[in-house]
Amino acid sequence: MDVVMIDQDDRLAPVPSWLRGVVLFSLFGMASVSLADSVCVEDDLQRLVCLEAPAERIISLSPGVTELLFAAGAGERIVGTTSFSDYPEAAEAIPRIGSYKRIDMENLLAKEPDLVVAWISGNPTEQVERLDELGLTVYWGEQRDFEDIAHTLERYGQLAGTESAANQAARDFRAGIAELNERHADAPVVPYLYQIWDDPMMTVNGEHLISEAAAVCGGENIFGDLPRLTPRVDRESVLAADPEVIVAGGMGESNPAWLDPWREYRDMTAVKRDNLFFIPPSTIQRPTPRLLEGMRTLCDQLEEARERR
């Protein structure tokens, strides 16, 4: 579900040997294929990813990647994706090649992709590296901030030959972020807890994209200084911090059940003021252009909390 992002060491790979060969042949005027449509971009592991022509058969290894590819105008080129890839509606018809945590390698290879787009902190490293070893072209991605999302759209557009749609989507996203920043620039601070999981209870630290989104709305993460990107916390720590607002995702797009256990803590500020809010998780926990939708919801919720002071 592209719910969390977990710290992971960068992995670097050399420029593919086939690319070096193509360049050498070109230098000596002996190339047997035309490079007119070739494209190279750098992925989020600073690896050079090159295609001889725009990708026509793409494998997406997470729901967030699927959304980004559709937003970049490349949705019709996806021939396989993972479970929970449910947006846009057309994504539900794409064949599944496993989950983002465990890939059905035989099924994936049978799709004969010319590009595989992987999720750095979510996909099983050993399986994706095996795809590299088998000669498939792999793009490793991770969106840690707003600009990463815009840049990813632009890169996907280059790789798929859909630059016009992708560049427009990137411009629209940047404009939406700028508009929200301007609208909420002077908003009074609201201390909050954002809950991304229930058992064990997990939140995000100040470096997480969700915290960046909340900061635009004037939110102050009560666990922002914790070292892990997605730390586990206990209820005692939350009670001690006494957030003014608790925001939760959930197991579904309309299931706020994670908020119910908090209601027994009647002395907590968030409970006393009825500042327990739910956000459909895919709108704020996936690093896609729909983050703007989640941010607008969150900004409205924090404004409600200010009005209840």
C-alpha atoms as a PDB file:
ATOM      1  CA  MET A   1       0.000   0.000   0.000  1.00  0.00           C
ATOM      2  CA  ASP A   2       3.062   2.299  -0.044  1.00  0.00           C
ATOM      3  CA  VAL A   3       2.234   2.983   3.575  1.00  0.00           C
ATOM      4  CA  VAL A   4       5.665   3.524   5.088  1.00  0.00           C
ATOM      5  CA  MET A   5       9.180   4.325   3.979  1.00  0.00           C
ATOM      6  CA  ILE A   6      12.031   2.656   5.840  1.00  0.00           C
ATOM      7  CA  ASP A   7      15.648   3.739   5.999  1.00  0.00           C
ATOM      8  CA  GLN A   8      17.875   1.783   3.662  1.00  0.00           C
ATOM      9  CA  ASP A   9      21.511   2.147   2.607  1.00  0.00           C
ATOM     10  CA  ASP A  10      22.092   3.433  -0.911  1.00  0.00           C
ATOM     11  CA  ARG A  11      23.240   0.882  -3.420  1.00  0.00           C
ATOM     12  CA  LEU A  12      25.341   1.905  -6.396  1.00  0.00           C
ATOM     13  CA  ALA A  13      25.767   0.031  -9.661  1.00  0.00           C
ATOM     14  CA  PRO A  14      28.097   0.724 -12.589  1.00  0.00           C
ATOM     15  CA  VAL A  15      26.921   1.924 -15.972  1.00  0.00           C
ATOM     16  CA  PRO A  16      25.576  -1.190 -17.759  1.00  0.00           C
ATOM     17  CA  SER A  17      28.091  -2.917 -20.012  1.00  0.00           C
ATOM     18  CA  TRP A  18      25.652  -2.940 -22.921  1.00  0.00           C
ATOM     19  CA  LEU A  19      25.502   0.863 -22.782  1.00  0.00           C
ATOM     20  CA  ARG A  20      29.288   1.169 -22.920  1.00  0.00           C
ATOM     21  CA  GLY A  21      29.257  -1.113 -25.958  1.00  0.00           C
ATOM     22  CA  VAL A  22      26.633   0.956 -27.733  1.00  0.00           C
ATOM     23  CA  VAL A  23      28.612   4.127 -27.124  1.00  0.00           C
ATOM     24  CA  LEU A  24      31.816   2.566 -28.460  1.00  0.00           C
ATOM     25  CA  PHE A  25      30.108   1.292 -31.576  1.00  0.00           C
ATOM     26  CA  SER A  26      28.657   4.751 -32.147  1.00  0.00           C
ATOM     27  CA  LEU A  27      32.055   6.400 -31.828  1.00  0.00           C
ATOM     28  CA  PHE A  28      33.457   4.152 -34.534  1.00  0.00           C
ATOM     29  CA  GLY A  29      30.439   4.545 -36.798  1.00  0.00           C
ATOM     30  CA  MET A  30      29.589   0.845 -36.490  1.00  0.00           C
ATOM     31  CA  ALA A  31      26.322   0.966 -34.519  1.00  0.00           C
ATOM     32  CA  SER A  32      23.803  -1.556 -35.781  1.00  0.00           C
ATOM     33  CA  VAL A  33      20.816   0.184 -34.136  1.00  0.00           C
ATOM     34  CA  SER A  34      19.603   3.752 -34.212  1.00  0.00           C
ATOM     35  CA  LEU A  35      20.032   5.704 -30.981  1.00  0.00           C
ATOM     36  CA  ALA A  36      17.704   8.502 -32.084  1.00  0.00           C
ATOM     37  CA  ASP A  37      15.055   7.485 -29.556  1.00  0.00           C
ATOM     38  CA  SER A  38      17.396   6.380 -26.760  1.00  0.00           C
ATOM     39  CA  VAL A  39      16.980   7.919 -23.311  1.00  0.00           C
ATOM     40  CA  CYS A  40      19.003   7.920 -20.110  1.00  0.00           C
ATOM     41  CA  VAL A  41      17.955   9.182 -16.684  1.00  0.00           C
ATOM     42  CA  GLU A  42      19.442   8.905 -13.212  1.00  0.00           C
ATOM     43  CA  ASP A  43      17.371   6.990 -10.655  1.00  0.00           C
ATOM     44  CA  ASP A  44      17.212   7.629  -6.912  1.00  0.00           C
ATOM     45  CA  LEU A  45      20.251   5.448  -6.260  1.00  0.00           C
ATOM     46  CA  GLN A  46      22.216   7.686  -8.626  1.00  0.00           C
ATOM     47  CA  ARG A  47      22.373   4.855 -11.172  1.00  0.00           C
ATOM     48  CA  LEU A  48      22.235   5.624 -14.882  1.00  0.00           C
ATOM     49  CA  VAL A  49      19.154   3.954 -16.362  1.00  0.00           C
ATOM     50  CA  CYS A  50      19.127   3.803 -20.161  1.00  0.00           C
ATOM     51  CA  LEU A  51      16.693   2.539 -22.780  1.00  0.00           C
ATOM     52  CA  GLU A  52      17.267   2.300 -26.518  1.00  0.00           C
ATOM     53  CA  ALA A  53      13.691   3.509 -27.046  1.00  0.00           C
ATOM     54  CA  PRO A  54      10.830   4.662 -24.781  1.00  0.00           C
ATOM     55  CA  ALA A  55       9.500   1.843 -22.601  1.00  0.00           C
ATOM     56  CA  GLU A  56       6.431   0.046 -23.930  1.00  0.00           C
ATOM     57  CA  ARG A  57       6.181  -2.786 -21.377  1.00  0.00           C
ATOM     58  CA  ILE A  58       6.598  -1.525 -17.820  1.00  0.00           C
ATOM     59  CA  ILE A  59       6.419  -3.456 -14.556  1.00  0.00           C
ATOM     60  CA  SER A  60       5.440  -1.389 -11.502  1.00  0.00           C
ATOM     61  CA  LEU A  61       6.496  -2.827  -8.145  1.00  0.00           C
ATOM     62  CA  SER A  62       4.268  -0.773  -5.830  1.00  0.00           C
ATOM     63  CA  PRO A  63       0.888   0.992  -5.803  1.00  0.00           C
ATOM     64  CA  GLY A  64       2.620   4.352  -5.518  1.00  0.00           C
ATOM     65  CA  VAL A  65       4.763   3.647  -8.579  1.00  0.00           C
ATOM     66  CA  THR A  66       1.621   2.666 -10.476  1.00  0.00           C
ATOM     67  CA  GLU A  67      -0.073   5.955  -9.576  1.00  0.00           C
ATOM     68  CA  LEU A  68       2.985   7.955 -10.584  1.00  0.00           C
ATOM     69  CA  LEU A  69       3.241   6.172 -13.934  1.00  0.00           C
ATOM     70  CA  PHE A  70      -0.417   6.900 -14.674  1.00  0.00           C
ATOM     71  CA  ALA A  71       0.059  10.536 -13.662  1.00  0.00           C
ATOM     72  CA  ALA A  72       3.045  10.691 -16.021  1.00  0.00           C
ATOM     73  CA  GLY A  73       0.889   9.474 -18.905  1.00  0.00           C
ATOM     74  CA  ALA A  74       2.385   5.980 -18.983  1.00  0.00           C
ATOM     75  CA  GLY A  75      -0.432   3.962 -17.410  1.00  0.00           C
ATOM     76  CA  GLU A  76      -1.329   2.130 -20.612  1.00  0.00           C
ATOM     77  CA  ARG A  77       2.232   0.815 -20.820  1.00  0.00           C
ATOM     78  CA  ILE A  78       2.083  -1.016 -17.472  1.00  0.00           C
ATOM     79  CA  VAL A  79       1.876  -4.773 -18.123  1.00  0.00           C
ATOM     80  CA  GLY A  80       2.191  -5.914 -14.501  1.00  0.00           C
ATOM     81  CA  THR A  81       1.938  -4.493 -11.003  1.00  0.00           C
ATOM     82  CA  THR A  82       1.509  -5.496  -7.358  1.00  0.00           C
ATOM     83  CA  SER A  83      -1.441  -6.028  -5.065  1.00  0.00           C
ATOM     84  CA  PHE A  84      -3.194  -2.893  -3.728  1.00  0.00           C
ATOM     85  CA  SER A  85      -2.541  -0.995  -6.974  1.00  0.00           C
ATOM     86  CA  ASP A  86      -6.021   0.470  -7.018  1.00  0.00           C
ATOM     87  CA  TYR A  87      -5.701   4.003  -8.370  1.00  0.00           C
ATOM     88  CA  PRO A  88      -6.715   5.191 -10.856  1.00  0.00           C
ATOM     89  CA  GLU A  89      -9.574   2.794 -11.578  1.00  0.00           C
ATOM     90  CA  ALA A  90      -7.821   1.496 -14.695  1.00  0.00           C
ATOM     91  CA  ALA A  91      -4.996   0.188 -12.480  1.00  0.00           C
ATOM     92  CA  GLU A  92      -7.277  -2.497 -11.058  1.00  0.00           C
ATOM     93  CA  ALA A  93      -7.328  -4.273 -14.432  1.00  0.00           C
ATOM     94  CA  ILE A  94      -3.533  -4.614 -14.643  1.00  0.00           C
ATOM     95  CA  PRO A  95      -2.265  -8.194 -14.069  1.00  0.00           C
ATOM     96  CA  ARG A  96      -0.639  -8.785 -10.667  1.00  0.00           C
ATOM     97  CA  ILE A  97       2.887 -10.124 -10.320  1.00  0.00           C
ATOM     98  CA  GLY A  98       2.816 -10.576  -6.526  1.00  0.00           C
ATOM     99  CA  SER A  99       2.971  -8.052  -3.710  1.00  0.00           C
ATOM    100  CA  TYR A 100       5.464  -5.268  -3.177  1.00  0.00           C
ATOM    101  CA  LYS A 101       7.049  -7.432  -0.457  1.00  0.00           C
ATOM    102  CA  ARG A 102       7.295 -10.652  -2.484  1.00  0.00           C
ATOM    103  CA  ILE A 103       7.497 -10.671  -6.275  1.00  0.00           C
ATOM    104  CA  ASP A 104       6.377 -13.623  -8.415  1.00  0.00           C
ATOM    105  CA  MET A 105       9.571 -13.715 -10.475  1.00  0.00           C
ATOM    106  CA  GLU A 106       8.353 -16.255 -13.036  1.00  0.00           C
ATOM    107  CA  ASN A 107       5.200 -14.247 -13.681  1.00  0.00           C
ATOM    108  CA  LEU A 108       7.161 -11.004 -13.958  1.00  0.00           C
ATOM    109  CA  LEU A 109       9.665 -12.440 -16.434  1.00  0.00           C
ATOM    110  CA  ALA A 110       6.848 -13.854 -18.553  1.00  0.00           C
ATOM    111  CA  LYS A 111       5.635 -10.284 -19.134  1.00  0.00           C
ATOM    112  CA  GLU A 112       8.902  -9.535 -20.979  1.00  0.00           C
ATOM    113  CA  PRO A 113       9.214  -5.980 -19.612  1.00  0.00           C
ATOM    114  CA  ASP A 114      11.583  -3.443 -21.071  1.00  0.00           C
ATOM    115  CA  LEU A 115      11.510  -1.470 -17.797  1.00  0.00           C
ATOM    116  CA  VAL A 116      10.968  -2.430 -14.150  1.00  0.00           C
ATOM    117  CA  VAL A 117      10.302   0.380 -11.668  1.00  0.00           C
ATOM    118  CA  ALA A 118      11.176  -0.593  -8.076  1.00  0.00           C
ATOM    119  CA  TRP A 119      10.539   0.975  -4.662  1.00  0.00           C
ATOM    120  CA  ILE A 120      13.774   1.356  -2.681  1.00  0.00           C
ATOM    121  CA  SER A 121      12.458   0.977   0.863  1.00  0.00           C
ATOM    122  CA  GLY A 122       9.556  -1.352   0.100  1.00  0.00           C
ATOM    123  CA  ASN A 123      10.608  -4.018  -2.405  1.00  0.00           C
ATOM    124  CA  PRO A 124      12.771  -7.051  -1.515  1.00  0.00           C
ATOM    125  CA  THR A 125      16.298  -5.993  -2.451  1.00  0.00           C
ATOM    126  CA  GLU A 126      17.522  -9.478  -3.333  1.00  0.00           C
ATOM    127  CA  GLN A 127      14.692 -10.067  -5.802  1.00  0.00           C
ATOM    128  CA  VAL A 128      15.064  -6.733  -7.570  1.00  0.00           C
ATOM    129  CA  GLU A 129      18.835  -7.119  -7.761  1.00  0.00           C
ATOM    130  CA  ARG A 130      18.250 -10.532  -9.334  1.00  0.00           C
ATOM    131  CA  LEU A 131      16.228  -8.836 -12.072  1.00  0.00           C
ATOM    132  CA  ASP A 132      19.236  -6.603 -12.705  1.00  0.00           C
ATOM    133  CA  GLU A 133      21.473  -9.666 -12.935  1.00  0.00           C
ATOM    134  CA  LEU A 134      19.106 -11.214 -15.478  1.00  0.00           C
ATOM    135  CA  GLY A 135      19.603  -8.200 -17.721  1.00  0.00           C
ATOM    136  CA  LEU A 136      16.362  -6.335 -17.125  1.00  0.00           C
ATOM    137  CA  THR A 137      16.453  -2.557 -16.961  1.00  0.00           C
ATOM    138  CA  VAL A 138      15.553  -1.495 -13.408  1.00  0.00           C
ATOM    139  CA  TYR A 139      14.774   1.995 -12.136  1.00  0.00           C
ATOM    140  CA  TRP A 140      15.015   2.327  -8.328  1.00  0.00           C
ATOM    141  CA  GLY A 141      12.818   5.079  -6.904  1.00  0.00           C
ATOM    142  CA  GLU A 142      12.040   6.728  -3.551  1.00  0.00           C
ATOM    143  CA  GLN A 143      10.227  10.015  -3.054  1.00  0.00           C
ATOM    144  CA  ARG A 144      11.269  11.657   0.201  1.00  0.00           C
ATOM    145  CA  ASP A 145      10.051  15.211  -0.417  1.00  0.00           C
ATOM    146  CA  PHE A 146       7.789  17.270  -2.670  1.00  0.00           C
ATOM    147  CA  GLU A 147      10.408  17.922  -5.312  1.00  0.00           C
ATOM    148  CA  ASP A 148      11.209  14.207  -5.520  1.00  0.00           C
ATOM    149  CA  ILE A 149       7.610  13.604  -6.618  1.00  0.00           C
ATOM    150  CA  ALA A 150       7.809  16.240  -9.348  1.00  0.00           C
ATOM    151  CA  HIS A 151      11.211  15.025 -10.548  1.00  0.00           C
ATOM    152  CA  THR A 152       9.988  11.423 -10.617  1.00  0.00           C
ATOM    153  CA  LEU A 153       7.062  12.370 -12.853  1.00  0.00           C
ATOM    154  CA  GLU A 154       9.476  14.065 -15.250  1.00  0.00           C
ATOM    155  CA  ARG A 155      11.841  11.073 -15.317  1.00  0.00           C
ATOM    156  CA  TYR A 156       9.006   8.605 -15.896  1.00  0.00           C
ATOM    157  CA  GLY A 157       7.871  10.791 -18.769  1.00  0.00           C
ATOM    158  CA  GLN A 158      11.339  10.608 -20.300  1.00  0.00           C
ATOM    159  CA  LEU A 159      11.543   6.832 -19.903  1.00  0.00           C
ATOM    160  CA  ALA A 160       8.072   6.259 -21.377  1.00  0.00           C
ATOM    161  CA  GLY A 161       8.163   8.947 -24.041  1.00  0.00           C
ATOM    162  CA  THR A 162       5.253  10.787 -22.426  1.00  0.00           C
ATOM    163  CA  GLU A 163       7.072  13.986 -21.547  1.00  0.00           C
ATOM    164  CA  SER A 164       4.203  16.336 -22.332  1.00  0.00           C
ATOM    165  CA  ALA A 165       1.767  14.735 -19.872  1.00  0.00           C
ATOM    166  CA  ALA A 166       4.460  14.097 -17.270  1.00  0.00           C
ATOM    167  CA  ASN A 167       5.866  17.615 -17.332  1.00  0.00           C
ATOM    168  CA  GLN A 168       2.378  19.097 -17.040  1.00  0.00           C
ATOM    169  CA  ALA A 169       1.639  16.845 -14.044  1.00  0.00           C
ATOM    170  CA  ALA A 170       4.895  17.973 -12.409  1.00  0.00           C
ATOM    171  CA  ARG A 171       4.041  21.648 -12.998  1.00  0.00           C
ATOM    172  CA  ASP A 172       0.549  21.181 -11.583  1.00  0.00           C
ATOM    173  CA  PHE A 173       1.941  19.453  -8.495  1.00  0.00           C
ATOM    174  CA  ARG A 174       4.490  22.176  -7.825  1.00  0.00           C
ATOM    175  CA  ALA A 175       1.817  24.837  -8.287  1.00  0.00           C
ATOM    176  CA  GLY A 176      -0.486  23.047  -5.834  1.00  0.00           C
ATOM    177  CA  ILE A 177       2.239  22.897  -3.188  1.00  0.00           C
ATOM    178  CA  ALA A 178       3.044  26.580  -3.691  1.00  0.00           C
ATOM    179  CA  GLU A 179      -0.631  27.525  -3.328  1.00  0.00           C
ATOM    180  CA  LEU A 180      -0.971  25.583  -0.054  1.00  0.00           C
ATOM    181  CA  ASN A 181       2.250  27.096   1.283  1.00  0.00           C
ATOM    182  CA  GLU A 182       0.968  30.589   0.561  1.00  0.00           C
ATOM    183  CA  ARG A 183      -2.487  29.950   2.019  1.00  0.00           C
ATOM    184  CA  HIS A 184      -1.211  28.545   5.317  1.00  0.00           C
ATOM    185  CA  ALA A 185       2.012  30.528   5.724  1.00  0.00           C
ATOM    186  CA  ASP A 186       0.812  32.272   8.904  1.00  0.00           C
ATOM    187  CA  ALA A 187      -1.191  29.404  10.416  1.00  0.00           C
ATOM    188  CA  PRO A 188      -0.670  28.990  14.195  1.00  0.00           C
ATOM    189  CA  VAL A 189       1.193  25.796  15.131  1.00  0.00           C
ATOM    190  CA  VAL A 190      -0.815  22.687  16.084  1.00  0.00           C
ATOM    191  CA  PRO A 191       1.014  19.779  17.825  1.00  0.00           C
ATOM    192  CA  TYR A 192      -0.165  16.486  16.327  1.00  0.00           C
ATOM    193  CA  LEU A 193       0.375  12.731  16.185  1.00  0.00           C
ATOM    194  CA  TYR A 194       0.090  10.999  12.821  1.00  0.00           C
ATOM    195  CA  GLN A 195      -0.532   7.262  13.195  1.00  0.00           C
ATOM    196  CA  ILE A 196       0.449   5.109  10.212  1.00  0.00           C
ATOM    197  CA  TRP A 197      -0.068   1.726  11.882  1.00  0.00           C
ATOM    198  CA  ASP A 198      -1.935   0.312  14.835  1.00  0.00           C
ATOM    199  CA  ASP A 199      -0.242  -2.857  16.100  1.00  0.00           C
ATOM    200  CA  PRO A 200       2.551  -2.106  16.680  1.00  0.00           C
ATOM    201  CA  MET A 201       1.746   1.573  16.861  1.00  0.00           C
ATOM    202  CA  MET A 202       3.871   3.469  14.366  1.00  0.00           C
ATOM    203  CA  THR A 203       4.240   7.104  13.474  1.00  0.00           C
ATOM    204  CA  VAL A 204       6.635   9.203  11.370  1.00  0.00           C
ATOM    205  CA  ASN A 205       9.530  11.440  12.308  1.00  0.00           C
ATOM    206  CA  GLY A 206      10.205  14.971  11.138  1.00  0.00           C
ATOM    207  CA  GLU A 207      12.064  13.867   7.993  1.00  0.00           C
ATOM    208  CA  HIS A 208       9.134  11.899   6.609  1.00  0.00           C
ATOM    209  CA  LEU A 209       7.127  13.237   3.666  1.00  0.00           C
ATOM    210  CA  ILE A 210       3.965  13.181   5.812  1.00  0.00           C
ATOM    211  CA  SER A 211       5.634  15.552   8.280  1.00  0.00           C
ATOM    212  CA  GLU A 212       6.631  17.848   5.425  1.00  0.00           C
ATOM    213  CA  ALA A 213       3.009  17.835   4.270  1.00  0.00           C
ATOM    214  CA  ALA A 214       1.692  18.595   7.766  1.00  0.00           C
ATOM    215  CA  ALA A 215       4.234  21.390   8.261  1.00  0.00           C
ATOM    216  CA  VAL A 216       2.730  23.227   5.297  1.00  0.00           C
ATOM    217  CA  CYS A 217      -0.558  23.252   7.238  1.00  0.00           C
ATOM    218  CA  GLY A 218       1.070  24.502  10.446  1.00  0.00           C
ATOM    219  CA  GLY A 219       1.358  21.056  12.030  1.00  0.00           C
ATOM    220  CA  GLU A 220       4.116  20.259  14.532  1.00  0.00           C
ATOM    221  CA  ASN A 221       5.009  16.561  14.806  1.00  0.00           C
ATOM    222  CA  ILE A 222       5.273  15.566  18.488  1.00  0.00           C
ATOM    223  CA  PHE A 223       7.723  12.800  17.506  1.00  0.00           C
ATOM    224  CA  GLY A 224       9.574  14.824  14.894  1.00  0.00           C
ATOM    225  CA  ASP A 225      12.951  14.466  16.607  1.00  0.00           C
ATOM    226  CA  LEU A 226      13.021  10.650  16.692  1.00  0.00           C
ATOM    227  CA  PRO A 227      15.849   9.169  14.591  1.00  0.00           C
ATOM    228  CA  ARG A 228      13.930   6.530  12.632  1.00  0.00           C
ATOM    229  CA  LEU A 229      11.815   7.537   9.675  1.00  0.00           C
ATOM    230  CA  THR A 230       8.886   5.388  10.866  1.00  0.00           C
ATOM    231  CA  PRO A 231       9.399   4.824  14.610  1.00  0.00           C
ATOM    232  CA  ARG A 232       7.367   2.609  16.905  1.00  0.00           C
ATOM    233  CA  VAL A 233       5.853   4.427  19.866  1.00  0.00           C
ATOM    234  CA  ASP A 234       3.718   3.404  22.836  1.00  0.00           C
ATOM    235  CA  ARG A 235       0.554   4.961  24.198  1.00  0.00           C
ATOM    236  CA  GLU A 236       2.350   6.195  27.301  1.00  0.00           C
ATOM    237  CA  SER A 237       4.649   8.328  25.140  1.00  0.00           C
ATOM    238  CA  VAL A 238       1.687   9.778  23.285  1.00  0.00           C
ATOM    239  CA  LEU A 239      -0.136  10.550  26.534  1.00  0.00           C
ATOM    240  CA  ALA A 240       2.962  12.265  27.921  1.00  0.00           C
ATOM    241  CA  ALA A 241       3.285  14.413  24.785  1.00  0.00           C
ATOM    242  CA  ASP A 242      -0.464  15.243  24.898  1.00  0.00           C
ATOM    243  CA  PRO A 243      -1.004  16.148  21.218  1.00  0.00           C
ATOM    244  CA  GLU A 244      -3.700  18.645  20.342  1.00  0.00           C
ATOM    245  CA  VAL A 245      -4.639  16.535  17.312  1.00  0.00           C
ATOM    246  CA  ILE A 246      -4.406  12.854  16.424  1.00  0.00           C
ATOM    247  CA  VAL A 247      -4.639  11.949  12.747  1.00  0.00           C
ATOM    248  CA  ALA A 248      -4.795   8.337  11.589  1.00  0.00           C
ATOM    249  CA  GLY A 249      -4.826   6.409   8.362  1.00  0.00           C
ATOM    250  CA  GLY A 250      -6.289   2.936   8.584  1.00  0.00           C
ATOM    251  CA  MET A 251      -6.755  -0.485   7.057  1.00  0.00           C
ATOM    252  CA  GLY A 252      -9.015   0.943   4.355  1.00  0.00           C
ATOM    253  CA  GLU A 253      -9.931   4.149   2.621  1.00  0.00           C
ATOM    254  CA  SER A 254     -12.968   4.731   4.855  1.00  0.00           C
ATOM    255  CA  ASN A 255     -12.141   2.872   8.065  1.00  0.00           C
ATOM    256  CA  PRO A 256     -11.315   5.194  11.004  1.00  0.00           C
ATOM    257  CA  ALA A 257     -11.281   2.364  13.577  1.00  0.00           C
ATOM    258  CA  TRP A 258      -7.722   3.175  14.718  1.00  0.00           C
ATOM    259  CA  LEU A 259      -9.061   6.336  16.355  1.00  0.00           C
ATOM    260  CA  ASP A 260     -11.531   4.498  18.609  1.00  0.00           C
ATOM    261  CA  PRO A 261      -9.051   3.325  21.304  1.00  0.00           C
ATOM    262  CA  TRP A 262      -7.948   6.918  21.927  1.00  0.00           C
ATOM    263  CA  ARG A 263     -11.424   7.959  23.087  1.00  0.00           C
ATOM    264  CA  GLU A 264     -10.950   6.301  26.484  1.00  0.00           C
ATOM    265  CA  TYR A 265      -8.198   8.824  27.328  1.00  0.00           C
ATOM    266  CA  ARG A 266     -10.616  11.626  28.111  1.00  0.00           C
ATOM    267  CA  ASP A 267      -8.035  13.921  29.687  1.00  0.00           C
ATOM    268  CA  MET A 268      -5.923  14.064  26.531  1.00  0.00           C
ATOM    269  CA  THR A 269      -6.297  17.386  24.708  1.00  0.00           C
ATOM    270  CA  ALA A 270      -7.060  15.750  21.357  1.00  0.00           C
ATOM    271  CA  VAL A 271      -9.891  13.754  22.927  1.00  0.00           C
ATOM    272  CA  LYS A 272     -11.332  16.580  25.034  1.00  0.00           C
ATOM    273  CA  ARG A 273     -11.591  18.791  21.978  1.00  0.00           C
ATOM    274  CA  ASP A 274     -12.761  16.001  19.646  1.00  0.00           C
ATOM    275  CA  ASN A 275      -9.690  16.472  17.465  1.00  0.00           C
ATOM    276  CA  LEU A 276      -9.466  12.858  16.296  1.00  0.00           C
ATOM    277  CA  PHE A 277      -9.265  12.893  12.510  1.00  0.00           C
ATOM    278  CA  PHE A 278      -9.110  10.286   9.756  1.00  0.00           C
ATOM    279  CA  ILE A 279      -7.520  10.672   6.330  1.00  0.00           C
ATOM    280  CA  PRO A 280      -7.932   8.092   3.535  1.00  0.00           C
ATOM    281  CA  PRO A 281      -4.408   6.660   3.704  1.00  0.00           C
ATOM    282  CA  SER A 282      -3.712   6.479  -0.024  1.00  0.00           C
ATOM    283  CA  THR A 283      -4.122  10.257  -0.293  1.00  0.00           C
ATOM    284  CA  ILE A 284      -1.303  11.075   2.083  1.00  0.00           C
ATOM    285  CA  GLN A 285       0.739   7.901   2.586  1.00  0.00           C
ATOM    286  CA  ARG A 286       1.572   7.402  -1.087  1.00  0.00           C
ATOM    287  CA  PRO A 287       4.123   9.812  -2.559  1.00  0.00           C
ATOM    288  CA  THR A 288       2.062  10.764  -5.609  1.00  0.00           C
ATOM    289  CA  PRO A 289       0.281  13.884  -6.906  1.00  0.00           C
ATOM    290  CA  ARG A 290      -2.744  12.844  -4.828  1.00  0.00           C
ATOM    291  CA  LEU A 291      -0.739  14.012  -1.839  1.00  0.00           C
ATOM    292  CA  LEU A 292      -2.258  17.419  -2.595  1.00  0.00           C
ATOM    293  CA  GLU A 293      -5.694  15.963  -1.843  1.00  0.00           C
ATOM    294  CA  GLY A 294      -4.500  14.561   1.476  1.00  0.00           C
ATOM    295  CA  MET A 295      -2.794  17.819   2.385  1.00  0.00           C
ATOM    296  CA  ARG A 296      -5.955  19.826   1.754  1.00  0.00           C
ATOM    297  CA  THR A 297      -7.862  17.445   4.016  1.00  0.00           C
ATOM    298  CA  LEU A 298      -5.189  17.684   6.702  1.00  0.00           C
ATOM    299  CA  CYS A 299      -5.026  21.476   6.506  1.00  0.00           C
ATOM    300  CA  ASP A 300      -8.801  21.666   6.965  1.00  0.00           C
ATOM    301  CA  GLN A 301      -8.604  19.338   9.977  1.00  0.00           C
ATOM    302  CA  LEU A 302      -5.877  21.386  11.652  1.00  0.00           C
ATOM    303  CA  GLU A 303      -7.929  24.521  11.044  1.00  0.00           C
ATOM    304  CA  GLU A 304     -10.878  22.856  12.772  1.00  0.00           C
ATOM    305  CA  ALA A 305      -8.620  22.183  15.745  1.00  0.00           C
ATOM    306  CA  ARG A 306      -7.595  25.859  15.903  1.00  0.00           C
ATOM    307  CA  GLU A 307     -11.228  26.895  15.933  1.00  0.00           C
ATOM    308  CA  ARG A 308     -11.854  24.653  18.951  1.00  0.00           C
ATOM    309  CA  ARG A 309      -9.219  26.301  21.135  1.00  0.00           C
END
